[in-house]
């Protein structure tokens, strides 16, 4: 992946995180598979019941990447949201937007910590909060990942064995039917 694509993905995830937080929502995990440096699309986690369901749903994000034959993936998640929804201990900075860039050969963890700050009060209720982005630590090659994220990366590079004329298209449809939000680029629309 080139630097411009990476910078665009980081800016996009920071903006999405900011939008979610200012609306009082927890940012949901997102996977962005790439094939030969081209973005396939974006898959956002489906609503979950927490615990094992949340962990399984994060792992299932890998399905579109595997079906597309991705050679790179970027997975983004918020430390506290994933820890809470999966019933895991918080590891690393919190609150923090994490982005991991992975290939078959390994991964690099990028952490984007922030502090929540109140925004202007609304006449309809209490003031919303938004992130103030803090200095990011250096990228961590092989950085420690929570188990469902590590599993999602592993399965992203494991070919799906589907007996169907369009394994990618059917995978996208099944993911959407399961409640995942799937947005494909024009190049990869089934």
Protein backbone atom coordinates (compact mmCIF):
# COMPACT_ATOMS: atom_id res chain seq x y z
CA UNK A 1 0.00 0.00 0.00
CA UNK A 2 1.35 3.41 -0.85
CA UNK A 3 1.67 6.24 1.65
CA UNK A 4 -1.17 8.26 0.13
CA UNK A 5 -3.61 5.34 0.46
CA UNK A 6 -2.53 4.74 4.08
CA UNK A 7 -2.89 8.43 4.96
CA UNK A 8 -6.36 8.49 3.36
CA UNK A 9 -7.47 5.43 5.33
CA UNK A 10 -6.15 6.90 8.61
CA UNK A 11 -7.90 10.23 7.98
CA UNK A 12 -11.12 8.42 7.08
CA UNK A 13 -11.06 6.29 10.24
CA UNK A 14 -10.27 9.30 12.45
CA UNK A 15 -13.17 11.22 10.89
CA UNK A 16 -15.54 8.26 11.32
CA UNK A 17 -14.43 7.82 14.95
CA UNK A 18 -14.96 11.53 15.61
CA UNK A 19 -18.44 11.42 14.03
CA UNK A 20 -19.44 8.36 16.09
CA UNK A 21 -18.16 9.81 19.35
CA UNK A 22 -19.84 13.20 18.85
CA UNK A 23 -23.12 11.34 18.29
CA UNK A 24 -22.61 9.34 21.49
CA UNK A 25 -21.96 6.08 19.65
CA UNK A 26 -19.05 3.71 20.11
CA UNK A 27 -17.00 3.28 16.93
CA UNK A 28 -17.47 -0.25 15.58
CA UNK A 29 -14.57 -2.29 14.17
CA UNK A 30 -13.97 -1.94 10.43
CA UNK A 31 -11.91 -3.99 7.98
CA UNK A 32 -10.57 -2.64 4.70
CA UNK A 33 -9.15 -5.32 2.37
CA UNK A 34 -6.80 -4.41 -0.47
CA UNK A 35 -5.86 -6.36 -3.59
CA UNK A 36 -2.64 -5.31 -5.37
CA UNK A 37 -2.76 -1.96 -3.56
CA UNK A 38 -6.38 -1.22 -4.51
CA UNK A 39 -9.01 -0.84 -1.82
CA UNK A 40 -11.75 -3.46 -2.14
CA UNK A 41 -14.07 -1.64 0.21
CA UNK A 42 -15.00 -1.28 3.84
CA UNK A 43 -16.87 -3.74 6.06
CA UNK A 44 -18.24 -2.44 9.37
CA UNK A 45 -19.12 -4.79 12.23
CA UNK A 46 -22.72 -5.92 12.54
CA UNK A 47 -24.66 -5.22 15.75
CA UNK A 48 -23.64 -7.77 18.39
CA UNK A 49 -24.93 -9.14 21.68
CA UNK A 50 -21.52 -8.90 23.32
CA UNK A 51 -19.21 -11.61 24.63
CA UNK A 52 -18.70 -14.54 22.27
CA UNK A 53 -21.05 -13.06 19.67
CA UNK A 54 -18.92 -9.88 19.48
CA UNK A 55 -15.70 -11.88 19.22
CA UNK A 56 -17.13 -14.09 16.46
CA UNK A 57 -18.45 -11.06 14.57
CA UNK A 58 -15.02 -9.41 14.61
CA UNK A 59 -13.42 -12.59 13.27
CA UNK A 60 -16.10 -12.80 10.56
CA UNK A 61 -14.98 -9.40 9.23
CA UNK A 62 -12.26 -11.44 7.51
CA UNK A 63 -14.72 -13.16 5.15
CA UNK A 64 -14.79 -10.42 2.50
CA UNK A 65 -11.00 -10.09 2.57
CA UNK A 66 -10.57 -13.85 2.16
CA UNK A 67 -13.17 -14.05 -0.63
CA UNK A 68 -11.50 -11.16 -2.48
CA UNK A 69 -8.06 -12.77 -2.21
CA UNK A 70 -6.75 -9.74 -0.31
CA UNK A 71 -3.00 -9.40 -0.05
CA UNK A 72 -3.28 -6.59 2.54
CA UNK A 73 -5.86 -5.60 5.13
CA UNK A 74 -6.31 -2.69 7.45
CA UNK A 75 -8.45 -3.31 10.52
CA UNK A 76 -9.53 -0.44 12.77
CA UNK A 77 -11.08 -0.69 16.24
CA UNK A 78 -11.49 1.34 19.41
CA UNK A 79 -9.69 -0.12 22.45
CA UNK A 80 -12.45 0.34 25.02
CA UNK A 81 -15.33 -0.59 22.71
CA UNK A 82 -13.78 -3.93 21.74
CA UNK A 83 -12.68 -4.72 25.30
CA UNK A 84 -16.16 -3.98 26.67
CA UNK A 85 -18.14 -5.73 23.93
CA UNK A 86 -15.91 -8.83 23.98
CA UNK A 87 -15.46 -8.99 27.77
CA UNK A 88 -11.68 -8.57 27.48
CA UNK A 89 -9.22 -6.62 29.57
CA UNK A 90 -8.21 -3.24 28.18
CA UNK A 91 -4.70 -3.45 26.74
CA UNK A 92 -2.77 -0.48 25.45
CA UNK A 93 -3.81 3.14 25.58
CA UNK A 94 -7.48 3.92 26.14
CA UNK A 95 -9.34 5.63 24.73
CA UNK A 96 -7.57 4.87 21.48
CA UNK A 97 -8.34 4.23 17.84
CA UNK A 98 -6.16 1.32 16.71
CA UNK A 99 -5.32 0.55 13.11
CA UNK A 100 -3.37 -2.49 12.06
CA UNK A 101 -1.91 -2.91 8.58
CA UNK A 102 -1.37 -6.59 7.81
CA UNK A 103 -0.06 -8.83 5.06
CA UNK A 104 0.52 -12.59 5.07
CA UNK A 105 4.00 -11.89 6.42
CA UNK A 106 3.03 -9.87 9.50
CA UNK A 107 1.44 -6.70 10.77
CA UNK A 108 2.16 -3.23 12.09
CA UNK A 109 -0.01 -1.77 14.85
CA UNK A 110 -0.70 1.97 14.78
CA UNK A 111 -2.32 3.52 17.86
CA UNK A 112 -4.08 6.88 17.75
CA UNK A 113 -4.90 7.82 21.36
CA UNK A 114 -7.30 10.60 22.19
CA UNK A 115 -8.93 12.35 25.12
CA UNK A 116 -12.67 12.94 25.22
CA UNK A 117 -13.63 16.58 25.56
CA UNK A 118 -17.07 18.17 25.91
CA UNK A 119 -18.35 20.00 22.87
CA UNK A 120 -20.80 22.88 22.86
CA UNK A 121 -23.98 22.21 24.84
CA UNK A 122 -27.07 21.44 22.84
CA UNK A 123 -30.49 22.91 23.68
CA UNK A 124 -31.83 19.34 23.41
CA UNK A 125 -29.67 17.88 26.14
CA UNK A 126 -26.23 17.53 27.66
CA UNK A 127 -23.10 18.44 25.76
CA UNK A 128 -21.74 15.82 23.40
CA UNK A 129 -18.14 14.73 23.63
CA UNK A 130 -15.55 14.54 20.90
CA UNK A 131 -11.95 13.40 20.64
CA UNK A 132 -8.87 15.57 21.04
CA UNK A 133 -6.21 13.55 19.25
CA UNK A 134 -3.03 13.04 21.27
CA UNK A 135 0.47 12.32 19.98
CA UNK A 136 0.66 8.81 18.57
CA UNK A 137 3.33 6.37 19.72
CA UNK A 138 5.64 4.90 17.09
CA UNK A 139 4.13 2.14 14.92
CA UNK A 140 4.69 -1.32 16.42
CA UNK A 141 5.75 -4.05 13.98
CA UNK A 142 4.22 -7.26 15.33
CA UNK A 143 2.43 -5.29 18.09
CA UNK A 144 0.20 -7.21 20.49
CA UNK A 145 -3.39 -7.57 19.25
CA UNK A 146 -6.54 -8.64 21.07
CA UNK A 147 -7.50 -12.24 20.17
CA UNK A 148 -10.48 -11.53 17.86
CA UNK A 149 -8.47 -8.98 15.86
CA UNK A 150 -5.52 -11.40 15.54
CA UNK A 151 -7.91 -14.14 14.37
CA UNK A 152 -9.55 -11.80 11.84
CA UNK A 153 -6.14 -11.02 10.37
CA UNK A 154 -5.23 -14.71 10.17
CA UNK A 155 -8.48 -15.66 8.44
CA UNK A 156 -8.26 -12.69 6.05
CA UNK A 157 -5.45 -14.54 4.27
CA UNK A 158 -7.04 -18.00 4.42
CA UNK A 159 -8.84 -18.71 1.10
CA UNK A 160 -12.55 -19.40 1.42
CA UNK A 161 -13.64 -22.66 -0.12
CA UNK A 162 -17.07 -21.91 -1.54
CA UNK A 163 -18.64 -24.02 -4.24
CA UNK A 164 -20.29 -21.09 -6.01
CA UNK A 165 -19.69 -19.41 -9.37
CA UNK A 166 -19.16 -16.05 -7.64
CA UNK A 167 -17.60 -16.70 -4.20
CA UNK A 168 -16.85 -13.00 -3.67
CA UNK A 169 -20.36 -11.85 -4.63
CA UNK A 170 -22.11 -14.46 -2.49
CA UNK A 171 -19.84 -13.68 0.47
CA UNK A 172 -20.73 -9.98 0.24
CA UNK A 173 -24.46 -10.81 0.08
CA UNK A 174 -24.23 -13.20 3.03
CA UNK A 175 -22.34 -10.62 5.10
CA UNK A 176 -24.95 -7.97 4.33
CA UNK A 177 -27.74 -10.43 5.19
CA UNK A 178 -26.04 -11.01 8.55
CA UNK A 179 -26.14 -7.26 9.28
CA UNK A 180 -22.62 -6.18 8.34
CA UNK A 181 -22.37 -2.84 6.55
CA UNK A 182 -20.45 -3.53 3.32
CA UNK A 183 -19.35 -0.70 1.03
CA UNK A 184 -17.34 -1.82 -2.00
CA UNK A 185 -15.34 0.35 -4.36
CA UNK A 186 -16.55 0.44 -7.98
CA UNK A 187 -13.68 -1.80 -9.06
CA UNK A 188 -14.83 -4.64 -6.80
CA UNK A 189 -18.62 -4.30 -6.93
CA UNK A 190 -20.01 -7.79 -7.60
